[in-house]
Amino acid sequence: MRRILASSFLGSAIEFYDFLLYASASALVFAHAFFASLDAVCSRSRRRSSFSARSSR
């Protein structure tokens, strides 16, 4: 039972870290790297849609 709980906790911690890392990258990097030619509003909306597509899987 301890092994199951430990592996479940570890898996959840890794998944949370992955989610946090991707959210930070989408907010800070993606708009400038992928949508640089667009205006600020359009860039922001595309950045949010790419994040929501990632988090809905």
PDB file of N, CA and C in Angstrom:
ATOM      1  N   MET A   1       0.818  -1.188   0.000  1.00  0.00           N
ATOM      2  CA  MET A   1       0.000   0.000   0.000  1.00  0.00           C
ATOM      3  C   MET A   1       0.870   1.263   0.000  1.00  0.00           C
ATOM      4  N   ARG A   2       1.965   1.256   0.714  1.00  0.00           N
ATOM      5  CA  ARG A   2       2.862   2.410   0.735  1.00  0.00           C
ATOM      6  C   ARG A   2       3.438   2.697  -0.647  1.00  0.00           C
ATOM      7  N   ARG A   3       3.759   1.622  -1.331  1.00  0.00           N
ATOM      8  CA  ARG A   3       4.345   1.775  -2.664  1.00  0.00           C
ATOM      9  C   ARG A   3       3.348   2.404  -3.630  1.00  0.00           C
ATOM     10  N   ILE A   4       2.101   2.025  -3.533  1.00  0.00           N
ATOM     11  CA  ILE A   4       1.058   2.581  -4.387  1.00  0.00           C
ATOM     12  C   ILE A   4       0.861   4.058  -4.092  1.00  0.00           C
ATOM     13  N   LEU A   5       0.815   4.408  -2.819  1.00  0.00           N
ATOM     14  CA  LEU A   5       0.634   5.805  -2.445  1.00  0.00           C
ATOM     15  C   LEU A   5       1.828   6.659  -2.874  1.00  0.00           C
ATOM     16  N   ALA A   6       3.018   6.137  -2.694  1.00  0.00           N
ATOM     17  CA  ALA A   6       4.215   6.887  -3.080  1.00  0.00           C
ATOM     18  C   ALA A   6       4.269   7.100  -4.592  1.00  0.00           C
ATOM     19  N   SER A   7       3.970   6.076  -5.362  1.00  0.00           N
ATOM     20  CA  SER A   7       4.012   6.226  -6.817  1.00  0.00           C
ATOM     21  C   SER A   7       2.886   7.132  -7.314  1.00  0.00           C
ATOM     22  N   SER A   8       1.731   7.090  -6.666  1.00  0.00           N
ATOM     23  CA  SER A   8       0.638   7.979  -7.031  1.00  0.00           C
ATOM     24  C   SER A   8       0.998   9.435  -6.740  1.00  0.00           C
ATOM     25  N   PHE A   9       1.591   9.672  -5.591  1.00  0.00           N
ATOM     26  CA  PHE A   9       2.022  11.024  -5.243  1.00  0.00           C
ATOM     27  C   PHE A   9       3.083  11.526  -6.209  1.00  0.00           C
ATOM     28  N   LEU A  10       4.029  10.693  -6.525  1.00  0.00           N
ATOM     29  CA  LEU A  10       5.100  11.089  -7.441  1.00  0.00           C
ATOM     30  C   LEU A  10       4.552  11.397  -8.832  1.00  0.00           C
ATOM     31  N   GLY A  11       3.649  10.584  -9.321  1.00  0.00           N
ATOM     32  CA  GLY A  11       3.042  10.831 -10.629  1.00  0.00           C
ATOM     33  C   GLY A  11       2.250  12.127 -10.660  1.00  0.00           C
ATOM     34  N   SER A  12       1.515  12.401  -9.601  1.00  0.00           N
ATOM     35  CA  SER A  12       0.753  13.650  -9.530  1.00  0.00           C
ATOM     36  C   SER A  12       1.675  14.854  -9.445  1.00  0.00           C
ATOM     37  N   ALA A  13       2.762  14.739  -8.698  1.00  0.00           N
ATOM     38  CA  ALA A  13       3.714  15.841  -8.579  1.00  0.00           C
ATOM     39  C   ALA A  13       4.378  16.131  -9.923  1.00  0.00           C
ATOM     40  N   ILE A  14       4.732  15.115 -10.658  1.00  0.00           N
ATOM     41  CA  ILE A  14       5.353  15.312 -11.975  1.00  0.00           C
ATOM     42  C   ILE A  14       4.354  15.926 -12.950  1.00  0.00           C
ATOM     43  N   GLU A  15       3.118  15.480 -12.902  1.00  0.00           N
ATOM     44  CA  GLU A  15       2.103  16.035 -13.794  1.00  0.00           C
ATOM     45  C   GLU A  15       1.835  17.501 -13.470  1.00  0.00           C
ATOM     46  N   PHE A  16       1.796  17.851 -12.182  1.00  0.00           N
ATOM     47  CA  PHE A  16       1.596  19.245 -11.799  1.00  0.00           C
ATOM     48  C   PHE A  16       2.765  20.099 -12.263  1.00  0.00           C
ATOM     49  N   TYR A  17       3.977  19.600 -12.124  1.00  0.00           N
ATOM     50  CA  TYR A  17       5.157  20.342 -12.568  1.00  0.00           C
ATOM     51  C   TYR A  17       5.120  20.549 -14.080  1.00  0.00           C
ATOM     52  N   ASP A  18       4.709  19.540 -14.819  1.00  0.00           N
ATOM     53  CA  ASP A  18       4.591  19.655 -16.269  1.00  0.00           C
ATOM     54  C   ASP A  18       3.563  20.714 -16.647  1.00  0.00           C
ATOM     55  N   PHE A  19       2.433  20.703 -15.970  1.00  0.00           N
ATOM     56  CA  PHE A  19       1.379  21.686 -16.218  1.00  0.00           C
ATOM     57  C   PHE A  19       1.869  23.091 -15.896  1.00  0.00           C
ATOM     58  N   LEU A  20       2.558  23.258 -14.781  1.00  0.00           N
ATOM     59  CA  LEU A  20       3.076  24.566 -14.385  1.00  0.00           C
ATOM     60  C   LEU A  20       4.120  25.073 -15.368  1.00  0.00           C
ATOM     61  N   LEU A  21       4.989  24.198 -15.805  1.00  0.00           N
ATOM     62  CA  LEU A  21       6.031  24.576 -16.759  1.00  0.00           C
ATOM     63  C   LEU A  21       5.431  24.995 -18.092  1.00  0.00           C
ATOM     64  N   TYR A  22       4.457  24.253 -18.585  1.00  0.00           N
ATOM     65  CA  TYR A  22       3.827  24.595 -19.859  1.00  0.00           C
ATOM     66  C   TYR A  22       3.032  25.894 -19.750  1.00  0.00           C
ATOM     67  N   ALA A  23       2.359  26.107 -18.614  1.00  0.00           N
ATOM     68  CA  ALA A  23       1.605  27.355 -18.428  1.00  0.00           C
ATOM     69  C   ALA A  23       2.536  28.552 -18.413  1.00  0.00           C
ATOM     70  N   SER A  24       3.661  28.418 -17.758  1.00  0.00           N
ATOM     71  CA  SER A  24       4.631  29.512 -17.724  1.00  0.00           C
ATOM     72  C   SER A  24       5.216  29.773 -19.109  1.00  0.00           C
ATOM     73  N   ALA A  25       5.525  28.713 -19.818  1.00  0.00           N
ATOM     74  CA  ALA A  25       6.089  28.875 -21.161  1.00  0.00           C
ATOM     75  C   ALA A  25       5.071  29.500 -22.112  1.00  0.00           C
ATOM     76  N   SER A  26       3.825  29.117 -21.999  1.00  0.00           N
ATOM     77  CA  SER A  26       2.829  29.693 -22.902  1.00  0.00           C
ATOM     78  C   SER A  26       2.595  31.165 -22.605  1.00  0.00           C
ATOM     79  N   ALA A  27       2.717  31.553 -21.362  1.00  0.00           N
ATOM     80  CA  ALA A  27       2.513  32.960 -21.016  1.00  0.00           C
ATOM     81  C   ALA A  27       3.713  33.828 -21.375  1.00  0.00           C
ATOM     82  N   LEU A  28       4.912  33.294 -21.246  1.00  0.00           N
ATOM     83  CA  LEU A  28       6.101  34.118 -21.406  1.00  0.00           C
ATOM     84  C   LEU A  28       6.791  33.980 -22.761  1.00  0.00           C
ATOM     85  N   VAL A  29       6.768  32.810 -23.351  1.00  0.00           N
ATOM     86  CA  VAL A  29       7.596  32.551 -24.521  1.00  0.00           C
ATOM     87  C   VAL A  29       6.795  32.416 -25.810  1.00  0.00           C
ATOM     88  N   PHE A  30       5.692  31.711 -25.771  1.00  0.00           N
ATOM     89  CA  PHE A  30       4.988  31.364 -27.002  1.00  0.00           C
ATOM     90  C   PHE A  30       4.523  32.575 -27.794  1.00  0.00           C
ATOM     91  N   ALA A  31       4.048  33.603 -27.119  1.00  0.00           N
ATOM     92  CA  ALA A  31       3.550  34.777 -27.840  1.00  0.00           C
ATOM     93  C   ALA A  31       4.662  35.435 -28.648  1.00  0.00           C
ATOM     94  N   HIS A  32       5.854  35.500 -28.086  1.00  0.00           N
ATOM     95  CA  HIS A  32       6.966  36.147 -28.785  1.00  0.00           C
ATOM     96  C   HIS A  32       7.606  35.222 -29.817  1.00  0.00           C
ATOM     97  N   ALA A  33       7.645  33.947 -29.533  1.00  0.00           N
ATOM     98  CA  ALA A  33       8.335  33.017 -30.422  1.00  0.00           C
ATOM     99  C   ALA A  33       7.482  32.608 -31.632  1.00  0.00           C
ATOM    100  N   PHE A  34       6.201  32.365 -31.418  1.00  0.00           N
ATOM    101  CA  PHE A  34       5.377  31.824 -32.494  1.00  0.00           C
ATOM    102  C   PHE A  34       4.436  32.841 -33.126  1.00  0.00           C
ATOM    103  N   PHE A  35       4.027  33.845 -32.363  1.00  0.00           N
ATOM    104  CA  PHE A  35       3.034  34.789 -32.865  1.00  0.00           C
ATOM    105  C   PHE A  35       3.574  36.213 -32.880  1.00  0.00           C
ATOM    106  N   ALA A  36       4.812  36.385 -33.229  1.00  0.00           N
ATOM    107  CA  ALA A  36       5.450  37.709 -33.190  1.00  0.00           C
ATOM    108  C   ALA A  36       4.912  38.652 -34.260  1.00  0.00           C
ATOM    109  N   SER A  37       4.456  38.122 -35.372  1.00  0.00           N
ATOM    110  CA  SER A  37       4.001  38.986 -36.461  1.00  0.00           C
ATOM    111  C   SER A  37       2.580  39.510 -36.250  1.00  0.00           C
ATOM    112  N   LEU A  38       1.877  39.024 -35.253  1.00  0.00           N
ATOM    113  CA  LEU A  38       0.499  39.442 -34.997  1.00  0.00           C
ATOM    114  C   LEU A  38       0.462  40.587 -33.989  1.00  0.00           C
ATOM    115  N   ASP A  39      -0.681  41.272 -33.938  1.00  0.00           N
ATOM    116  CA  ASP A  39      -0.818  42.321 -32.933  1.00  0.00           C
ATOM    117  C   ASP A  39      -1.009  41.705 -31.544  1.00  0.00           C
ATOM    118  N   ALA A  40      -1.028  42.520 -30.524  1.00  0.00           N
ATOM    119  CA  ALA A  40      -1.017  42.033 -29.138  1.00  0.00           C
ATOM    120  C   ALA A  40      -2.275  41.234 -28.788  1.00  0.00           C
ATOM    121  N   VAL A  41      -3.433  41.696 -29.226  1.00  0.00           N
ATOM    122  CA  VAL A  41      -4.687  41.015 -28.880  1.00  0.00           C
ATOM    123  C   VAL A  41      -4.778  39.658 -29.560  1.00  0.00           C
ATOM    124  N   CYS A  42      -4.465  39.604 -30.808  1.00  0.00           N
ATOM    125  CA  CYS A  42      -4.518  38.341 -31.547  1.00  0.00           C
ATOM    126  C   CYS A  42      -3.469  37.362 -31.026  1.00  0.00           C
ATOM    127  N   SER A  43      -2.308  37.859 -30.713  1.00  0.00           N
ATOM    128  CA  SER A  43      -1.247  37.019 -30.166  1.00  0.00           C
ATOM    129  C   SER A  43      -1.663  36.426 -28.822  1.00  0.00           C
ATOM    130  N   ARG A  44      -2.281  37.239 -27.990  1.00  0.00           N
ATOM    131  CA  ARG A  44      -2.729  36.777 -26.683  1.00  0.00           C
ATOM    132  C   ARG A  44      -3.822  35.717 -26.802  1.00  0.00           C
ATOM    133  N   SER A  45      -4.748  35.901 -27.723  1.00  0.00           N
ATOM    134  CA  SER A  45      -5.817  34.924 -27.884  1.00  0.00           C
ATOM    135  C   SER A  45      -5.298  33.595 -28.436  1.00  0.00           C
ATOM    136  N   ARG A  46      -4.350  33.651 -29.337  1.00  0.00           N
ATOM    137  CA  ARG A  46      -3.772  32.401 -29.856  1.00  0.00           C
ATOM    138  C   ARG A  46      -2.936  31.690 -28.812  1.00  0.00           C
ATOM    139  N   ARG A  47      -2.254  32.457 -27.980  1.00  0.00           N
ATOM    140  CA  ARG A  47      -1.471  31.869 -26.894  1.00  0.00           C
ATOM    141  C   ARG A  47      -2.389  31.143 -25.914  1.00  0.00           C
ATOM    142  N   ARG A  48      -3.504  31.772 -25.573  1.00  0.00           N
ATOM    143  CA  ARG A  48      -4.463  31.139 -24.655  1.00  0.00           C
ATOM    144  C   ARG A  48      -5.092  29.903 -25.271  1.00  0.00           C
ATOM    145  N   SER A  49      -5.373  29.938 -26.555  1.00  0.00           N
ATOM    146  CA  SER A  49      -5.978  28.769 -27.193  1.00  0.00           C
ATOM    147  C   SER A  49      -4.991  27.610 -27.273  1.00  0.00           C
ATOM    148  N   SER A  50      -3.713  27.897 -27.472  1.00  0.00           N
ATOM    149  CA  SER A  50      -2.730  26.801 -27.479  1.00  0.00           C
ATOM    150  C   SER A  50      -2.571  26.207 -26.089  1.00  0.00           C
ATOM    151  N   PHE A  51      -2.666  27.035 -25.054  1.00  0.00           N
ATOM    152  CA  PHE A  51      -2.611  26.516 -23.689  1.00  0.00           C
ATOM    153  C   PHE A  51      -3.834  25.689 -23.361  1.00  0.00           C
ATOM    154  N   SER A  52      -5.016  26.141 -23.782  1.00  0.00           N
ATOM    155  CA  SER A  52      -6.222  25.386 -23.467  1.00  0.00           C
ATOM    156  C   SER A  52      -6.271  24.068 -24.240  1.00  0.00           C
ATOM    157  N   ALA A  53      -5.729  24.046 -25.444  1.00  0.00           N
ATOM    158  CA  ALA A  53      -5.682  22.795 -26.186  1.00  0.00           C
ATOM    159  C   ALA A  53      -4.754  21.796 -25.507  1.00  0.00           C
ATOM    160  N   ARG A  54      -3.678  22.274 -24.907  1.00  0.00           N
ATOM    161  CA  ARG A  54      -2.734  21.408 -24.197  1.00  0.00           C
ATOM    162  C   ARG A  54      -3.344  20.889 -22.898  1.00  0.00           C
ATOM    163  N   SER A  55      -4.059  21.759 -22.160  1.00  0.00           N
ATOM    164  CA  SER A  55      -4.540  21.357 -20.848  1.00  0.00           C
ATOM    165  C   SER A  55      -5.823  20.534 -20.914  1.00  0.00           C
ATOM    166  N   SER A  56      -6.466  20.438 -22.061  1.00  0.00           N
ATOM    167  CA  SER A  56      -7.711  19.686 -22.165  1.00  0.00           C
ATOM    168  C   SER A  56      -7.526  18.228 -22.556  1.00  0.00           C
ATOM    169  N   ARG A  57      -6.312  17.787 -22.683  1.00  0.00           N
ATOM    170  CA  ARG A  57      -6.108  16.409 -23.121  1.00  0.00           C
ATOM    171  C   ARG A  57      -6.389  15.406 -22.080  1.00  0.00           C
TER     172      ARG A  57
END
